[in-house]
PDB file of N, CA and C in Angstrom:
ATOM      1  N   MET A   1     136.745 299.489 194.599  1.00  0.00           N
ATOM      2  CA  MET A   1     136.279 300.505 194.783  1.00  0.00           C
ATOM      3  C   MET A   1     134.898 300.053 195.355  1.00  0.00           C
ATOM      4  N   LYS A   2     134.018 301.065 196.336  1.00  0.00           N
ATOM      5  CA  LYS A   2     133.284 300.414 197.127  1.00  0.00           C
ATOM      6  C   LYS A   2     131.951 300.709 196.253  1.00  0.00           C
ATOM      7  N   LEU A   3     131.117 299.281 196.072  1.00  0.00           N
ATOM      8  CA  LEU A   3     130.197 299.951 195.550  1.00  0.00           C
ATOM      9  C   LEU A   3     129.048 299.194 196.462  1.00  0.00           C
ATOM     10  N   LEU A   4     127.543 299.972 195.724  1.00  0.00           N
ATOM     11  CA  LEU A   4     126.222 299.457 196.639  1.00  0.00           C
ATOM     12  C   LEU A   4     125.968 298.685 195.309  1.00  0.00           C
ATOM     13  N   PHE A   5     125.016 298.002 195.382  1.00  0.00           N
ATOM     14  CA  PHE A   5     123.882 297.030 194.394  1.00  0.00           C
ATOM     15  C   PHE A   5     123.037 297.412 194.899  1.00  0.00           C
ATOM     16  N   ASP A   6     121.918 298.127 193.877  1.00  0.00           N
ATOM     17  CA  ASP A   6     120.662 298.398 194.255  1.00  0.00           C
ATOM     18  C   ASP A   6     119.797 296.876 194.402  1.00  0.00           C
ATOM     19  N   HIS A   7     118.396 296.656 194.992  1.00  0.00           N
ATOM     20  CA  HIS A   7     118.028 295.723 195.587  1.00  0.00           C
ATOM     21  C   HIS A   7     117.647 294.696 194.280  1.00  0.00           C
ATOM     22  N   ASN A   8     117.644 295.400 193.438  1.00  0.00           N
ATOM     23  CA  ASN A   8     117.075 294.494 192.068  1.00  0.00           C
ATOM     24  C   ASN A   8     118.323 293.796 191.616  1.00  0.00           C
ATOM     25  N   VAL A   9     119.324 293.816 191.783  1.00  0.00           N
ATOM     26  CA  VAL A   9     120.955 293.119 191.603  1.00  0.00           C
ATOM     27  C   VAL A   9     120.986 292.060 192.265  1.00  0.00           C
ATOM     28  N   ASP A  10     121.100 290.709 191.421  1.00  0.00           N
ATOM     29  CA  ASP A  10     121.130 289.702 192.228  1.00  0.00           C
ATOM     30  C   ASP A  10     122.634 289.544 193.003  1.00  0.00           C
ATOM     31  N   ARG A  11     122.449 289.680 194.541  1.00  0.00           N
ATOM     32  CA  ARG A  11     123.673 289.907 195.519  1.00  0.00           C
ATOM     33  C   ARG A  11     125.123 288.882 194.889  1.00  0.00           C
ATOM     34  N   ARG A  12     124.597 287.805 194.186  1.00  0.00           N
ATOM     35  CA  ARG A  12     125.310 286.589 193.699  1.00  0.00           C
ATOM     36  C   ARG A  12     126.143 287.018 192.580  1.00  0.00           C
ATOM     37  N   PHE A  13     126.177 288.498 192.191  1.00  0.00           N
ATOM     38  CA  PHE A  13     126.467 288.807 190.924  1.00  0.00           C
ATOM     39  C   PHE A  13     128.252 289.326 191.354  1.00  0.00           C
ATOM     40  N   ARG A  14     127.680 289.709 192.624  1.00  0.00           N
ATOM     41  CA  ARG A  14     129.166 290.587 192.989  1.00  0.00           C
ATOM     42  C   ARG A  14     130.486 289.086 192.907  1.00  0.00           C
ATOM     43  N   ARG A  15     130.323 288.268 192.570  1.00  0.00           N
ATOM     44  CA  ARG A  15     131.259 287.132 192.669  1.00  0.00           C
ATOM     45  C   ARG A  15     131.538 287.351 191.091  1.00  0.00           C
ATOM     46  N   HIS A  16     131.102 287.802 190.649  1.00  0.00           N
ATOM     47  CA  HIS A  16     131.600 288.197 188.953  1.00  0.00           C
ATOM     48  C   HIS A  16     131.997 289.641 188.873  1.00  0.00           C
ATOM     49  N   VAL A  17     132.386 290.431 190.129  1.00  0.00           N
ATOM     50  CA  VAL A  17     132.918 291.595 190.399  1.00  0.00           C
ATOM     51  C   VAL A  17     133.886 291.388 191.495  1.00  0.00           C
ATOM     52  N   PRO A  18     134.904 290.656 191.160  1.00  0.00           N
ATOM     53  CA  PRO A  18     136.017 290.838 192.064  1.00  0.00           C
ATOM     54  C   PRO A  18     136.934 291.982 192.526  1.00  0.00           C
ATOM     55  N   GLY A  19     137.530 292.324 193.246  1.00  0.00           N
ATOM     56  CA  GLY A  19     138.377 293.303 193.429  1.00  0.00           C
ATOM     57  C   GLY A  19     137.748 294.462 194.294  1.00  0.00           C
ATOM     58  N   HIS A  20     136.376 294.460 194.580  1.00  0.00           N
ATOM     59  CA  HIS A  20     135.493 295.418 195.100  1.00  0.00           C
ATOM     60  C   HIS A  20     135.033 295.093 196.189  1.00  0.00           C
ATOM     61  N   GLU A  21     134.744 296.344 197.153  1.00  0.00           N
ATOM     62  CA  GLU A  21     133.891 296.004 198.272  1.00  0.00           C
ATOM     63  C   GLU A  21     132.726 296.127 197.962  1.00  0.00           C
ATOM     64  N   ILE A  22     131.549 295.227 198.099  1.00  0.00           N
ATOM     65  CA  ILE A  22     130.115 295.349 197.458  1.00  0.00           C
ATOM     66  C   ILE A  22     129.011 294.898 198.669  1.00  0.00           C
ATOM     67  N   LYS A  23     128.460 295.888 198.875  1.00  0.00           N
ATOM     68  CA  LYS A  23     127.203 295.876 199.529  1.00  0.00           C
ATOM     69  C   LYS A  23     125.727 296.100 198.951  1.00  0.00           C
ATOM     70  N   THR A  24     124.928 295.415 199.416  1.00  0.00           N
ATOM     71  CA  THR A  24     123.466 295.534 198.781  1.00  0.00           C
ATOM     72  C   THR A  24     122.720 296.450 199.698  1.00  0.00           C
ATOM     73  N   THR A  25     121.743 297.084 198.982  1.00  0.00           N
ATOM     74  CA  THR A  25     120.580 298.272 199.634  1.00  0.00           C
ATOM     75  C   THR A  25     120.255 297.777 201.199  1.00  0.00           C
ATOM     76  N   ARG A  26     119.968 296.331 200.707  1.00  0.00           N
ATOM     77  CA  ARG A  26     119.493 294.929 201.687  1.00  0.00           C
ATOM     78  C   ARG A  26     120.513 294.888 203.187  1.00  0.00           C
ATOM     79  N   GLU A  27     121.452 294.760 203.106  1.00  0.00           N
ATOM     80  CA  GLU A  27     122.734 294.608 203.683  1.00  0.00           C
ATOM     81  C   GLU A  27     122.959 296.130 204.482  1.00  0.00           C
ATOM     82  N   MET A  28     122.475 297.344 203.433  1.00  0.00           N
ATOM     83  CA  MET A  28     122.553 298.611 204.307  1.00  0.00           C
ATOM     84  C   MET A  28     121.620 298.804 205.362  1.00  0.00           C
ATOM     85  N   ARG A  29     120.454 298.095 204.542  1.00  0.00           N
ATOM     86  CA  ARG A  29     119.067 298.379 205.250  1.00  0.00           C
ATOM     87  C   ARG A  29     118.526 299.365 204.833  1.00  0.00           C
ATOM     88  N   TRP A  30     118.875 299.989 203.501  1.00  0.00           N
ATOM     89  CA  TRP A  30     118.719 300.837 202.646  1.00  0.00           C
ATOM     90  C   TRP A  30     117.271 300.852 201.894  1.00  0.00           C
ATOM     91  N   GLU A  31     117.002 299.573 201.719  1.00  0.00           N
ATOM     92  CA  GLU A  31     115.983 298.977 200.626  1.00  0.00           C
ATOM     93  C   GLU A  31     114.669 299.490 200.312  1.00  0.00           C
ATOM     94  N   LEU A  32     114.358 300.348 201.643  1.00  0.00           N
ATOM     95  CA  LEU A  32     113.305 301.452 201.552  1.00  0.00           C
ATOM     96  C   LEU A  32     112.913 302.607 201.330  1.00  0.00           C
ATOM     97  N   LEU A  33     114.463 303.288 201.203  1.00  0.00           N
ATOM     98  CA  LEU A  33     114.902 305.013 201.068  1.00  0.00           C
ATOM     99  C   LEU A  33     114.375 304.736 199.551  1.00  0.00           C
ATOM    100  N   SER A  34     113.865 305.912 199.201  1.00  0.00           N
ATOM    101  CA  SER A  34     113.446 306.555 197.510  1.00  0.00           C
ATOM    102  C   SER A  34     114.883 306.779 197.504  1.00  0.00           C
ATOM    103  N   ASN A  35     115.459 306.441 196.001  1.00  0.00           N
ATOM    104  CA  ASN A  35     116.292 306.908 194.958  1.00  0.00           C
ATOM    105  C   ASN A  35     117.257 308.116 195.302  1.00  0.00           C
ATOM    106  N   GLY A  36     116.522 308.971 195.764  1.00  0.00           N
ATOM    107  CA  GLY A  36     117.299 310.278 195.786  1.00  0.00           C
ATOM    108  C   GLY A  36     118.282 309.921 197.444  1.00  0.00           C
ATOM    109  N   LYS A  37     117.326 309.566 198.252  1.00  0.00           N
ATOM    110  CA  LYS A  37     117.701 309.748 199.445  1.00  0.00           C
ATOM    111  C   LYS A  37     118.480 308.201 199.170  1.00  0.00           C
ATOM    112  N   LEU A  38     118.656 307.271 198.592  1.00  0.00           N
ATOM    113  CA  LEU A  38     119.264 306.292 198.917  1.00  0.00           C
ATOM    114  C   LEU A  38     120.546 307.007 198.087  1.00  0.00           C
ATOM    115  N   LEU A  39     120.972 307.451 196.986  1.00  0.00           N
ATOM    116  CA  LEU A  39     122.054 307.907 196.478  1.00  0.00           C
ATOM    117  C   LEU A  39     122.930 308.779 197.424  1.00  0.00           C
ATOM    118  N   ARG A  40     122.260 309.637 198.336  1.00  0.00           N
ATOM    119  CA  ARG A  40     123.054 310.428 199.021  1.00  0.00           C
ATOM    120  C   ARG A  40     123.285 309.522 200.256  1.00  0.00           C
ATOM    121  N   ALA A  41     122.727 308.618 200.708  1.00  0.00           N
ATOM    122  CA  ALA A  41     123.033 308.179 201.661  1.00  0.00           C
ATOM    123  C   ALA A  41     124.367 307.126 201.311  1.00  0.00           C
ATOM    124  N   ALA A  42     124.583 306.407 199.744  1.00  0.00           N
ATOM    125  CA  ALA A  42     125.549 305.845 199.738  1.00  0.00           C
ATOM    126  C   ALA A  42     126.504 307.044 199.433  1.00  0.00           C
ATOM    127  N   ALA A  43     126.318 307.656 198.578  1.00  0.00           N
ATOM    128  CA  ALA A  43     127.426 309.190 198.607  1.00  0.00           C
ATOM    129  C   ALA A  43     128.197 309.431 199.780  1.00  0.00           C
ATOM    130  N   ASP A  44     127.427 309.659 201.498  1.00  0.00           N
ATOM    131  CA  ASP A  44     127.705 309.731 202.349  1.00  0.00           C
ATOM    132  C   ASP A  44     128.346 308.771 203.254  1.00  0.00           C
ATOM    133  N   ALA A  45     127.808 307.410 202.722  1.00  0.00           N
ATOM    134  CA  ALA A  45     129.135 306.212 203.432  1.00  0.00           C
ATOM    135  C   ALA A  45     130.147 306.285 202.755  1.00  0.00           C
ATOM    136  N   GLY A  46     130.730 306.622 201.671  1.00  0.00           N
ATOM    137  CA  GLY A  46     131.598 306.306 201.198  1.00  0.00           C
ATOM    138  C   GLY A  46     131.796 305.689 199.925  1.00  0.00           C
ATOM    139  N   PHE A  47     130.473 304.948 199.217  1.00  0.00           N
ATOM    140  CA  PHE A  47     130.562 304.313 198.089  1.00  0.00           C
ATOM    141  C   PHE A  47     131.074 305.167 196.987  1.00  0.00           C
ATOM    142  N   GLY A  48     131.291 304.461 195.930  1.00  0.00           N
ATOM    143  CA  GLY A  48     132.200 304.819 194.784  1.00  0.00           C
ATOM    144  C   GLY A  48     130.866 304.890 193.771  1.00  0.00           C
ATOM    145  N   ALA A  49     129.991 303.812 193.749  1.00  0.00           N
ATOM    146  CA  ALA A  49     129.142 303.693 192.997  1.00  0.00           C
ATOM    147  C   ALA A  49     127.953 302.598 192.758  1.00  0.00           C
ATOM    148  N   PHE A  50     126.715 303.219 192.892  1.00  0.00           N
ATOM    149  CA  PHE A  50     125.691 302.864 192.806  1.00  0.00           C
ATOM    150  C   PHE A  50     125.009 301.803 191.334  1.00  0.00           C
ATOM    151  N   VAL A  51     125.427 300.475 191.653  1.00  0.00           N
ATOM    152  CA  VAL A  51     124.624 299.660 190.580  1.00  0.00           C
ATOM    153  C   VAL A  51     123.488 298.980 190.444  1.00  0.00           C
ATOM    154  N   SER A  52     122.763 299.457 189.434  1.00  0.00           N
ATOM    155  CA  SER A  52     121.123 299.420 189.537  1.00  0.00           C
ATOM    156  C   SER A  52     120.697 298.478 187.959  1.00  0.00           C
ATOM    157  N   ILE A  53     119.752 298.070 187.453  1.00  0.00           N
ATOM    158  CA  ILE A  53     119.235 297.900 186.236  1.00  0.00           C
ATOM    159  C   ILE A  53     118.062 298.506 186.317  1.00  0.00           C
ATOM    160  N   ASP A  54     117.882 299.323 187.238  1.00  0.00           N
ATOM    161  CA  ASP A  54     116.670 300.234 187.112  1.00  0.00           C
ATOM    162  C   ASP A  54     116.826 301.511 185.641  1.00  0.00           C
ATOM    163  N   LYS A  55     116.390 301.412 184.640  1.00  0.00           N
ATOM    164  CA  LYS A  55     116.757 302.074 183.865  1.00  0.00           C
ATOM    165  C   LYS A  55     115.936 303.400 183.690  1.00  0.00           C
ATOM    166  N   LYS A  56     114.701 303.431 184.219  1.00  0.00           N
ATOM    167  CA  LYS A  56     113.859 304.559 185.146  1.00  0.00           C
ATOM    168  C   LYS A  56     114.629 305.589 185.894  1.00  0.00           C
ATOM    169  N   LEU A  57     115.982 305.451 186.179  1.00  0.00           N
ATOM    170  CA  LEU A  57     116.455 306.350 187.370  1.00  0.00           C
ATOM    171  C   LEU A  57     116.949 307.446 186.642  1.00  0.00           C
ATOM    172  N   GLN A  58     117.176 307.007 185.356  1.00  0.00           N
ATOM    173  CA  GLN A  58     117.882 308.468 184.506  1.00  0.00           C
ATOM    174  C   GLN A  58     116.695 309.415 184.377  1.00  0.00           C
ATOM    175  N   PHE A  59     115.380 309.299 184.401  1.00  0.00           N
ATOM    176  CA  PHE A  59     114.516 309.618 184.340  1.00  0.00           C
ATOM    177  C   PHE A  59     114.115 310.578 186.168  1.00  0.00           C
ATOM    178  N   GLU A  60     114.726 309.818 186.817  1.00  0.00           N
ATOM    179  CA  GLU A  60     113.740 309.643 188.114  1.00  0.00           C
ATOM    180  C   GLU A  60     114.929 311.177 188.916  1.00  0.00           C
ATOM    181  N   GLN A  61     115.685 310.917 188.361  1.00  0.00           N
ATOM    182  CA  GLN A  61     116.706 312.203 188.772  1.00  0.00           C
ATOM    183  C   GLN A  61     117.199 312.987 188.139  1.00  0.00           C
ATOM    184  N   ASN A  62     118.155 314.317 189.113  1.00  0.00           N
ATOM    185  CA  ASN A  62     118.620 315.279 188.193  1.00  0.00           C
ATOM    186  C   ASN A  62     120.309 314.914 188.149  1.00  0.00           C
ATOM    187  N   LEU A  63     119.771 314.742 186.475  1.00  0.00           N
ATOM    188  CA  LEU A  63     121.318 313.745 186.432  1.00  0.00           C
ATOM    189  C   LEU A  63     122.716 314.859 186.210  1.00  0.00           C
ATOM    190  N   ASP A  64     122.332 316.141 186.471  1.00  0.00           N
ATOM    191  CA  ASP A  64     123.454 317.336 186.998  1.00  0.00           C
ATOM    192  C   ASP A  64     123.897 317.170 188.254  1.00  0.00           C
ATOM    193  N   ARG A  65     123.380 316.184 189.238  1.00  0.00           N
ATOM    194  CA  ARG A  65     123.562 316.606 190.344  1.00  0.00           C
ATOM    195  C   ARG A  65     123.602 315.448 190.904  1.00  0.00           C
ATOM    196  N   LEU A  66     123.776 314.144 190.773  1.00  0.00           N
ATOM    197  CA  LEU A  66     124.326 313.297 191.116  1.00  0.00           C
ATOM    198  C   LEU A  66     125.336 313.238 192.021  1.00  0.00           C
ATOM    199  N   PRO A  67     125.191 312.545 193.543  1.00  0.00           N
ATOM    200  CA  PRO A  67     125.793 312.640 194.510  1.00  0.00           C
ATOM    201  C   PRO A  67     126.978 311.356 194.352  1.00  0.00           C
ATOM    202  N   ILE A  68     127.036 310.570 193.773  1.00  0.00           N
ATOM    203  CA  ILE A  68     127.724 309.239 193.089  1.00  0.00           C
ATOM    204  C   ILE A  68     127.117 308.592 192.176  1.00  0.00           C
ATOM    205  N   ALA A  69     128.310 308.273 191.421  1.00  0.00           N
ATOM    206  CA  ALA A  69     128.041 307.432 190.188  1.00  0.00           C
ATOM    207  C   ALA A  69     127.263 306.598 190.344  1.00  0.00           C
ATOM    208  N   VAL A  70     126.302 306.529 189.199  1.00  0.00           N
ATOM    209  CA  VAL A  70     125.326 305.520 188.758  1.00  0.00           C
ATOM    210  C   VAL A  70     125.586 304.599 187.943  1.00  0.00           C
ATOM    211  N   ILE A  71     125.551 303.471 187.698  1.00  0.00           N
ATOM    212  CA  ILE A  71     125.803 302.491 186.768  1.00  0.00           C
ATOM    213  C   ILE A  71     124.286 301.637 186.358  1.00  0.00           C
ATOM    214  N   VAL A  72     123.858 301.664 185.432  1.00  0.00           N
ATOM    215  CA  VAL A  72     122.548 301.133 185.019  1.00  0.00           C
ATOM    216  C   VAL A  72     123.247 299.800 184.119  1.00  0.00           C
ATOM    217  N   LEU A  73     122.830 298.836 184.628  1.00  0.00           N
ATOM    218  CA  LEU A  73     122.947 297.436 183.247  1.00  0.00           C
ATOM    219  C   LEU A  73     121.987 297.432 182.532  1.00  0.00           C
ATOM    220  N   ASP A  74     121.812 297.454 181.292  1.00  0.00           N
ATOM    221  CA  ASP A  74     120.401 297.530 180.502  1.00  0.00           C
ATOM    222  C   ASP A  74     120.069 295.593 180.216  1.00  0.00           C
ATOM    223  N   SER A  75     120.077 295.258 181.500  1.00  0.00           N
ATOM    224  CA  SER A  75     119.738 294.018 181.131  1.00  0.00           C
ATOM    225  C   SER A  75     117.798 293.980 180.851  1.00  0.00           C
ATOM    226  N   PHE A  76     118.127 292.485 180.480  1.00  0.00           N
ATOM    227  CA  PHE A  76     116.074 291.876 180.249  1.00  0.00           C
ATOM    228  C   PHE A  76     115.612 291.401 181.636  1.00  0.00           C
ATOM    229  N   SER A  77     116.545 291.542 182.305  1.00  0.00           N
ATOM    230  CA  SER A  77     116.272 290.304 183.611  1.00  0.00           C
ATOM    231  C   SER A  77     117.537 290.800 185.048  1.00  0.00           C
ATOM    232  N   ASN A  78     116.746 290.518 185.803  1.00  0.00           N
ATOM    233  CA  ASN A  78     117.483 290.544 187.240  1.00  0.00           C
ATOM    234  C   ASN A  78     118.297 288.935 187.247  1.00  0.00           C
ATOM    235  N   ALA A  79     117.732 288.357 186.836  1.00  0.00           N
ATOM    236  CA  ALA A  79     118.536 286.582 187.078  1.00  0.00           C
ATOM    237  C   ALA A  79     120.159 286.746 187.022  1.00  0.00           C
ATOM    238  N   LEU A  80     120.809 286.464 187.473  1.00  0.00           N
ATOM    239  CA  LEU A  80     122.314 285.855 187.499  1.00  0.00           C
ATOM    240  C   LEU A  80     122.556 285.687 185.930  1.00  0.00           C
ATOM    241  N   PRO A  81     122.237 285.092 185.532  1.00  0.00           N
ATOM    242  CA  PRO A  81     122.531 284.650 184.153  1.00  0.00           C
ATOM    243  C   PRO A  81     122.394 285.579 183.192  1.00  0.00           C
ATOM    244  N   ALA A  82     121.403 286.685 183.283  1.00  0.00           N
ATOM    245  CA  ALA A  82     121.644 287.889 182.261  1.00  0.00           C
ATOM    246  C   ALA A  82     122.580 288.454 182.911  1.00  0.00           C
ATOM    247  N   LEU A  83     122.733 288.479 184.206  1.00  0.00           N
ATOM    248  CA  LEU A  83     123.181 289.478 184.260  1.00  0.00           C
ATOM    249  C   LEU A  83     125.245 289.168 184.286  1.00  0.00           C
ATOM    250  N   ILE A  84     125.712 288.401 184.372  1.00  0.00           N
ATOM    251  CA  ILE A  84     127.006 287.669 184.209  1.00  0.00           C
ATOM    252  C   ILE A  84     127.547 288.396 183.099  1.00  0.00           C
ATOM    253  N   PRO A  85     126.750 288.718 181.992  1.00  0.00           N
ATOM    254  CA  PRO A  85     127.853 288.798 180.436  1.00  0.00           C
ATOM    255  C   PRO A  85     127.887 290.425 180.822  1.00  0.00           C
ATOM    256  N   PHE A  86     127.450 291.264 181.772  1.00  0.00           N
ATOM    257  CA  PHE A  86     127.705 292.534 181.805  1.00  0.00           C
ATOM    258  C   PHE A  86     129.064 292.770 182.611  1.00  0.00           C
ATOM    259  N   ALA A  87     129.722 291.298 183.464  1.00  0.00           N
ATOM    260  CA  ALA A  87     130.085 291.755 184.241  1.00  0.00           C
ATOM    261  C   ALA A  87     131.732 292.299 183.647  1.00  0.00           C
ATOM    262  N   PRO A  88     131.875 291.619 182.918  1.00  0.00           N
ATOM    263  CA  PRO A  88     133.756 292.134 182.037  1.00  0.00           C
ATOM    264  C   PRO A  88     133.292 293.801 181.613  1.00  0.00           C
ATOM    265  N   PHE A  89     132.095 294.084 181.330  1.00  0.00           N
ATOM    266  CA  PHE A  89     132.115 295.711 180.852  1.00  0.00           C
ATOM    267  C   PHE A  89     131.807 296.776 182.159  1.00  0.00           C
ATOM    268  N   LEU A  90     131.138 295.785 183.068  1.00  0.00           N
ATOM    269  CA  LEU A  90     131.238 296.539 184.192  1.00  0.00           C
ATOM    270  C   LEU A  90     132.498 296.845 184.751  1.00  0.00           C
ATOM    271  N   GLN A  91     133.679 295.865 184.772  1.00  0.00           N
ATOM    272  CA  GLN A  91     134.619 295.866 185.278  1.00  0.00           C
ATOM    273  C   GLN A  91     135.510 296.589 184.609  1.00  0.00           C
ATOM    274  N   ASP A  92     135.639 296.742 183.284  1.00  0.00           N
ATOM    275  CA  ASP A  92     136.441 297.267 182.336  1.00  0.00           C
ATOM    276  C   ASP A  92     135.994 299.268 182.863  1.00  0.00           C
ATOM    277  N   LEU A  93     134.411 299.417 183.000  1.00  0.00           N
ATOM    278  CA  LEU A  93     134.478 300.721 183.322  1.00  0.00           C
ATOM    279  C   LEU A  93     134.855 301.001 184.908  1.00  0.00           C
ATOM    280  N   LEU A  94     134.805 300.174 185.956  1.00  0.00           N
ATOM    281  CA  LEU A  94     135.442 300.486 186.835  1.00  0.00           C
ATOM    282  C   LEU A  94     136.755 300.766 187.125  1.00  0.00           C
ATOM    283  N   LYS A  95     137.670 300.322 186.012  1.00  0.00           N
ATOM    284  CA  LYS A  95     138.855 300.636 185.989  1.00  0.00           C
ATOM    285  C   LYS A  95     139.063 302.541 185.640  1.00  0.00           C
ATOM    286  N   GLU A  96     138.439 303.059 185.264  1.00  0.00           N
ATOM    287  CA  GLU A  96     138.335 304.408 185.135  1.00  0.00           C
ATOM    288  C   GLU A  96     138.356 305.282 186.167  1.00  0.00           C
ATOM    289  N   SER A  97     138.431 306.426 186.655  1.00  0.00           N
ATOM    290  CA  SER A  97     138.261 306.978 187.128  1.00  0.00           C
ATOM    291  C   SER A  97     136.413 307.725 187.237  1.00  0.00           C
ATOM    292  N   LEU A  98     135.467 307.052 188.068  1.00  0.00           N
ATOM    293  CA  LEU A  98     134.250 307.635 187.792  1.00  0.00           C
ATOM    294  C   LEU A  98     133.953 309.289 187.830  1.00  0.00           C
ATOM    295  N   LEU A  99     133.330 309.748 187.028  1.00  0.00           N
ATOM    296  CA  LEU A  99     132.364 311.101 187.449  1.00  0.00           C
ATOM    297  C   LEU A  99     130.916 310.401 187.987  1.00  0.00           C
ATOM    298  N   ASN A 100     130.364 311.741 188.366  1.00  0.00           N
ATOM    299  CA  ASN A 100     129.317 311.450 189.395  1.00  0.00           C
ATOM    300  C   ASN A 100     128.161 311.742 188.495  1.00  0.00           C
ATOM    301  N   VAL A 101     128.099 310.865 187.624  1.00  0.00           N
ATOM    302  CA  VAL A 101     126.914 310.915 186.009  1.00  0.00           C
ATOM    303  C   VAL A 101     126.183 309.255 185.741  1.00  0.00           C
ATOM    304  N   PHE A 102     125.290 309.700 185.380  1.00  0.00           N
ATOM    305  CA  PHE A 102     124.378 308.410 184.838  1.00  0.00           C
ATOM    306  C   PHE A 102     125.268 307.536 183.701  1.00  0.00           C
ATOM    307  N   HIS A 103     125.722 306.400 184.036  1.00  0.00           N
ATOM    308  CA  HIS A 103     126.576 305.366 183.405  1.00  0.00           C
ATOM    309  C   HIS A 103     125.498 304.396 182.626  1.00  0.00           C
ATOM    310  N   LEU A 104     125.243 303.840 181.722  1.00  0.00           N
ATOM    311  CA  LEU A 104     124.068 302.823 180.963  1.00  0.00           C
ATOM    312  C   LEU A 104     125.219 302.329 180.284  1.00  0.00           C
ATOM    313  N   ILE A 105     125.202 300.629 180.430  1.00  0.00           N
ATOM    314  CA  ILE A 105     126.119 299.718 180.199  1.00  0.00           C
ATOM    315  C   ILE A 105     124.924 298.584 179.209  1.00  0.00           C
ATOM    316  N   SER A 106     124.939 298.971 178.001  1.00  0.00           N
ATOM    317  CA  SER A 106     124.580 298.130 177.083  1.00  0.00           C
ATOM    318  C   SER A 106     124.938 296.578 177.030  1.00  0.00           C
ATOM    319  N   PRO A 107     124.103 295.777 176.331  1.00  0.00           N
ATOM    320  CA  PRO A 107     124.761 294.293 176.381  1.00  0.00           C
ATOM    321  C   PRO A 107     125.711 293.898 175.339  1.00  0.00           C
ATOM    322  N   ASP A 108     125.796 294.677 174.432  1.00  0.00           N
ATOM    323  CA  ASP A 108     126.894 294.918 173.860  1.00  0.00           C
ATOM    324  C   ASP A 108     128.556 295.606 174.160  1.00  0.00           C
ATOM    325  N   GLY A 109     128.229 295.993 176.101  1.00  0.00           N
ATOM    326  CA  GLY A 109     129.139 296.781 176.371  1.00  0.00           C
ATOM    327  C   GLY A 109     129.217 298.431 176.152  1.00  0.00           C
ATOM    328  N   ARG A 110     128.491 299.233 174.913  1.00  0.00           N
ATOM    329  CA  ARG A 110     128.985 300.250 175.223  1.00  0.00           C
ATOM    330  C   ARG A 110     128.180 300.993 176.467  1.00  0.00           C
ATOM    331  N   ILE A 111     129.341 302.117 176.650  1.00  0.00           N
ATOM    332  CA  ILE A 111     128.672 302.980 177.548  1.00  0.00           C
ATOM    333  C   ILE A 111     128.317 304.502 177.862  1.00  0.00           C
ATOM    334  N   THR A 112     126.874 304.441 177.529  1.00  0.00           N
ATOM    335  CA  THR A 112     126.375 305.813 177.568  1.00  0.00           C
ATOM    336  C   THR A 112     126.210 306.372 178.736  1.00  0.00           C
ATOM    337  N   ARG A 113     126.768 307.690 178.798  1.00  0.00           N
ATOM    338  CA  ARG A 113     127.201 308.739 180.324  1.00  0.00           C
ATOM    339  C   ARG A 113     126.420 309.798 179.667  1.00  0.00           C
ATOM    340  N   ILE A 114     125.371 310.264 180.776  1.00  0.00           N
ATOM    341  CA  ILE A 114     124.491 311.220 180.573  1.00  0.00           C
ATOM    342  C   ILE A 114     124.534 312.049 181.490  1.00  0.00           C
ATOM    343  N   GLY A 115     124.733 313.203 181.439  1.00  0.00           N
ATOM    344  CA  GLY A 115     124.943 314.238 182.825  1.00  0.00           C
ATOM    345  C   GLY A 115     126.159 314.479 183.007  1.00  0.00           C
ATOM    346  N   THR A 116     126.011 316.109 183.675  1.00  0.00           N
ATOM    347  CA  THR A 116     127.082 316.734 183.753  1.00  0.00           C
ATOM    348  C   THR A 116     128.044 316.771 185.098  1.00  0.00           C
ATOM    349  N   PRO A 117     128.859 316.289 185.274  1.00  0.00           N
ATOM    350  CA  PRO A 117     129.794 315.956 186.392  1.00  0.00           C
ATOM    351  C   PRO A 117     129.731 317.280 187.201  1.00  0.00           C
ATOM    352  N   PRO A 118     129.572 317.902 188.703  1.00  0.00           N
ATOM    353  CA  PRO A 118     129.460 318.683 189.685  1.00  0.00           C
ATOM    354  C   PRO A 118     131.622 319.581 189.567  1.00  0.00           C
ATOM    355  N   ALA A 119     131.052 320.236 189.162  1.00  0.00           N
ATOM    356  CA  ALA A 119     132.531 321.170 189.199  1.00  0.00           C
ATOM    357  C   ALA A 119     132.892 321.146 190.807  1.00  0.00           C
ATOM    358  N   PRO A 120     134.046 321.105 190.498  1.00  0.00           N
ATOM    359  CA  PRO A 120     135.485 320.258 192.026  1.00  0.00           C
ATOM    360  C   PRO A 120     135.143 321.818 192.529  1.00  0.00           C
ATOM    361  N   SER A 121     135.159 321.604 193.998  1.00  0.00           N
ATOM    362  CA  SER A 121     135.408 322.484 195.051  1.00  0.00           C
ATOM    363  C   SER A 121     136.408 323.593 194.808  1.00  0.00           C
ATOM    364  N   PRO A 122     136.358 324.690 195.144  1.00  0.00           N
ATOM    365  CA  PRO A 122     137.886 325.254 195.128  1.00  0.00           C
ATOM    366  C   PRO A 122     138.297 324.945 196.544  1.00  0.00           C
TER     367      PRO A 122
END
């Protein structure tokens, strides 16, 4: 899957999520886009999911109209050692067919999904 890491996710974390094409917002030169525009740009560029640690995204976006799956790691820090424990949980989630909803991965691996996926086009 093609993944976009938010600027708050350590780019070295990609080594712990093998088998996916991963770019960062900085690599795409999108780090200054607001979250709504960023999610739209990612969807338009063919990314399957946006990965962040920004839990505020849940309250800043219309979760019933997400153009792309949003995955938030409920980490206390964006330092690589704090993110590594989330790698197996993220890998398991990415094995699923993701809906364009908000996915929150808790430190214990529990996944909370919020939002209603858009209806398929006729």
